[in-house]
Amino acid sequence: MTTDYRIEIRGRVSDRSLGPYIDEFAISRSTRSTTLSGRIRDPAHLHGVVAHLTGIGLELISVQPLGRGDDARADPGGSEAERGSHSK
């Protein structure tokens, strides 16, 4: 069963650092944080995402479940919301 999550990371994180997750999550950036919003398939998937982010030295501010994927949609909010785009 999938669950929508919002993962907030301290600082403005580059697309390169988010590499494997760039197409999997909606990404929004502000001057102080980067937020990933999207569906997590299961606990192993969540663990893998968190392990990747912390493994490359990023500081997580929060990891919040938003609801079941069947019932809720992630709302990335914030500024510069990007959904699967690679603007360069």
C-alpha atoms as a PDB file:
ATOM      1  CA  MET A   1       0.000   0.000   0.000  1.00  0.00           C
ATOM      2  CA  THR A   2       1.445   3.369  -0.980  1.00  0.00           C
ATOM      3  CA  THR A   3       1.566   6.438   1.222  1.00  0.00           C
ATOM      4  CA  ASP A   4       2.220  10.024   0.158  1.00  0.00           C
ATOM      5  CA  TYR A   5       5.126  11.663   1.994  1.00  0.00           C
ATOM      6  CA  ARG A   6       6.693  15.095   2.246  1.00  0.00           C
ATOM      7  CA  ILE A   7      10.436  15.091   2.978  1.00  0.00           C
ATOM      8  CA  GLU A   8      11.995  18.445   3.850  1.00  0.00           C
ATOM      9  CA  ILE A   9      15.769  18.889   3.512  1.00  0.00           C
ATOM     10  CA  ARG A  10      17.822  21.782   4.881  1.00  0.00           C
ATOM     11  CA  GLY A  11      19.245  23.970   2.122  1.00  0.00           C
ATOM     12  CA  ARG A  12      18.783  24.209  -1.607  1.00  0.00           C
ATOM     13  CA  VAL A  13      19.632  20.766  -2.985  1.00  0.00           C
ATOM     14  CA  SER A  14      20.769  20.336  -6.592  1.00  0.00           C
ATOM     15  CA  ASP A  15      19.151  18.006  -9.110  1.00  0.00           C
ATOM     16  CA  ARG A  16      22.436  16.103  -9.224  1.00  0.00           C
ATOM     17  CA  SER A  17      22.247  15.297  -5.497  1.00  0.00           C
ATOM     18  CA  LEU A  18      18.645  14.178  -5.871  1.00  0.00           C
ATOM     19  CA  GLY A  19      19.656  12.055  -8.880  1.00  0.00           C
ATOM     20  CA  PRO A  20      17.766   8.800  -8.447  1.00  0.00           C
ATOM     21  CA  TYR A  21      14.647  10.573  -7.146  1.00  0.00           C
ATOM     22  CA  ILE A  22      14.381  13.467  -9.594  1.00  0.00           C
ATOM     23  CA  ASP A  23      11.574  11.834 -11.604  1.00  0.00           C
ATOM     24  CA  GLU A  24       9.956  10.073  -8.659  1.00  0.00           C
ATOM     25  CA  PHE A  25       9.042  13.125  -6.540  1.00  0.00           C
ATOM     26  CA  ALA A  26       7.675  16.618  -6.975  1.00  0.00           C
ATOM     27  CA  ILE A  27      10.474  18.964  -5.908  1.00  0.00           C
ATOM     28  CA  SER A  28      10.046  22.448  -4.522  1.00  0.00           C
ATOM     29  CA  ARG A  29      12.824  24.731  -3.398  1.00  0.00           C
ATOM     30  CA  SER A  30      12.984  27.833  -1.255  1.00  0.00           C
ATOM     31  CA  THR A  31      16.066  29.718  -0.157  1.00  0.00           C
ATOM     32  CA  ARG A  32      16.282  27.635   3.042  1.00  0.00           C
ATOM     33  CA  SER A  33      14.993  24.185   2.137  1.00  0.00           C
ATOM     34  CA  THR A  34      14.149  21.645  -0.541  1.00  0.00           C
ATOM     35  CA  THR A  35      10.981  19.565  -0.310  1.00  0.00           C
ATOM     36  CA  LEU A  36      10.300  16.234  -1.973  1.00  0.00           C
ATOM     37  CA  SER A  37       6.650  15.192  -2.201  1.00  0.00           C
ATOM     38  CA  GLY A  38       5.493  11.890  -3.581  1.00  0.00           C
ATOM     39  CA  ARG A  39       4.444   8.314  -3.139  1.00  0.00           C
ATOM     40  CA  ILE A  40       6.393   5.860  -1.033  1.00  0.00           C
ATOM     41  CA  ARG A  41       5.623   2.223  -1.909  1.00  0.00           C
ATOM     42  CA  ASP A  42       6.528   0.582   1.398  1.00  0.00           C
ATOM     43  CA  PRO A  43       8.831   0.921   4.456  1.00  0.00           C
ATOM     44  CA  ALA A  44      11.830  -0.393   2.484  1.00  0.00           C
ATOM     45  CA  HIS A  45      11.341   2.335  -0.145  1.00  0.00           C
ATOM     46  CA  LEU A  46      11.167   5.029   2.556  1.00  0.00           C
ATOM     47  CA  HIS A  47      14.288   3.646   4.221  1.00  0.00           C
ATOM     48  CA  GLY A  48      16.134   3.679   0.886  1.00  0.00           C
ATOM     49  CA  VAL A  49      15.222   7.306   0.167  1.00  0.00           C
ATOM     50  CA  VAL A  50      16.228   8.459   3.673  1.00  0.00           C
ATOM     51  CA  ALA A  51      19.454   6.411   3.542  1.00  0.00           C
ATOM     52  CA  HIS A  52      20.415   7.978   0.202  1.00  0.00           C
ATOM     53  CA  LEU A  53      19.730  11.525   1.335  1.00  0.00           C
ATOM     54  CA  THR A  54      21.539  11.217   4.667  1.00  0.00           C
ATOM     55  CA  GLY A  55      24.303   9.142   3.067  1.00  0.00           C
ATOM     56  CA  ILE A  56      25.291  12.049   0.832  1.00  0.00           C
ATOM     57  CA  GLY A  57      25.360  14.373   3.828  1.00  0.00           C
ATOM     58  CA  LEU A  58      21.995  16.098   3.555  1.00  0.00           C
ATOM     59  CA  GLU A  59      20.217  17.170   6.734  1.00  0.00           C
ATOM     60  CA  LEU A  60      16.587  16.117   6.928  1.00  0.00           C
ATOM     61  CA  ILE A  61      14.289  18.609   8.652  1.00  0.00           C
ATOM     62  CA  SER A  62      11.185  16.417   8.534  1.00  0.00           C
ATOM     63  CA  VAL A  63       9.687  13.282   7.028  1.00  0.00           C
ATOM     64  CA  GLN A  64       5.892  13.465   7.111  1.00  0.00           C
ATOM     65  CA  PRO A  65       3.320  10.963   5.901  1.00  0.00           C
ATOM     66  CA  LEU A  66       0.461  12.784   4.199  1.00  0.00           C
ATOM     67  CA  GLY A  67      -1.942   9.905   3.817  1.00  0.00           C
ATOM     68  CA  ARG A  68      -2.541   6.778   1.823  1.00  0.00           C
ATOM     69  CA  GLY A  69      -1.627   7.125  -1.825  1.00  0.00           C
ATOM     70  CA  ASP A  70      -5.089   5.977  -2.832  1.00  0.00           C
ATOM     71  CA  ASP A  71      -6.737   8.711  -0.759  1.00  0.00           C
ATOM     72  CA  ALA A  72      -4.372  11.701  -0.724  1.00  0.00           C
ATOM     73  CA  ARG A  73      -2.260  13.631  -3.187  1.00  0.00           C
ATOM     74  CA  ALA A  74       1.053  15.234  -2.255  1.00  0.00           C
ATOM     75  CA  ASP A  75       0.951  19.012  -2.416  1.00  0.00           C
ATOM     76  CA  PRO A  76       4.529  20.251  -2.880  1.00  0.00           C
ATOM     77  CA  GLY A  77       3.648  23.916  -2.229  1.00  0.00           C
ATOM     78  CA  GLY A  78       6.512  26.327  -1.642  1.00  0.00           C
ATOM     79  CA  SER A  79       8.240  28.319  -4.323  1.00  0.00           C
ATOM     80  CA  GLU A  80       9.645  27.091  -7.610  1.00  0.00           C
ATOM     81  CA  ALA A  81       7.518  23.943  -7.592  1.00  0.00           C
ATOM     82  CA  GLU A  82       8.787  21.521 -10.196  1.00  0.00           C
ATOM     83  CA  ARG A  83       7.086  18.268 -11.129  1.00  0.00           C
ATOM     84  CA  GLY A  84       9.509  16.024 -12.957  1.00  0.00           C
ATOM     85  CA  SER A  85      11.076  18.876 -14.900  1.00  0.00           C
ATOM     86  CA  HIS A  86      14.770  19.395 -15.416  1.00  0.00           C
ATOM     87  CA  SER A  87      15.072  23.119 -16.011  1.00  0.00           C
ATOM     88  CA  LYS A  88      18.608  24.197 -16.735  1.00  0.00           C
END
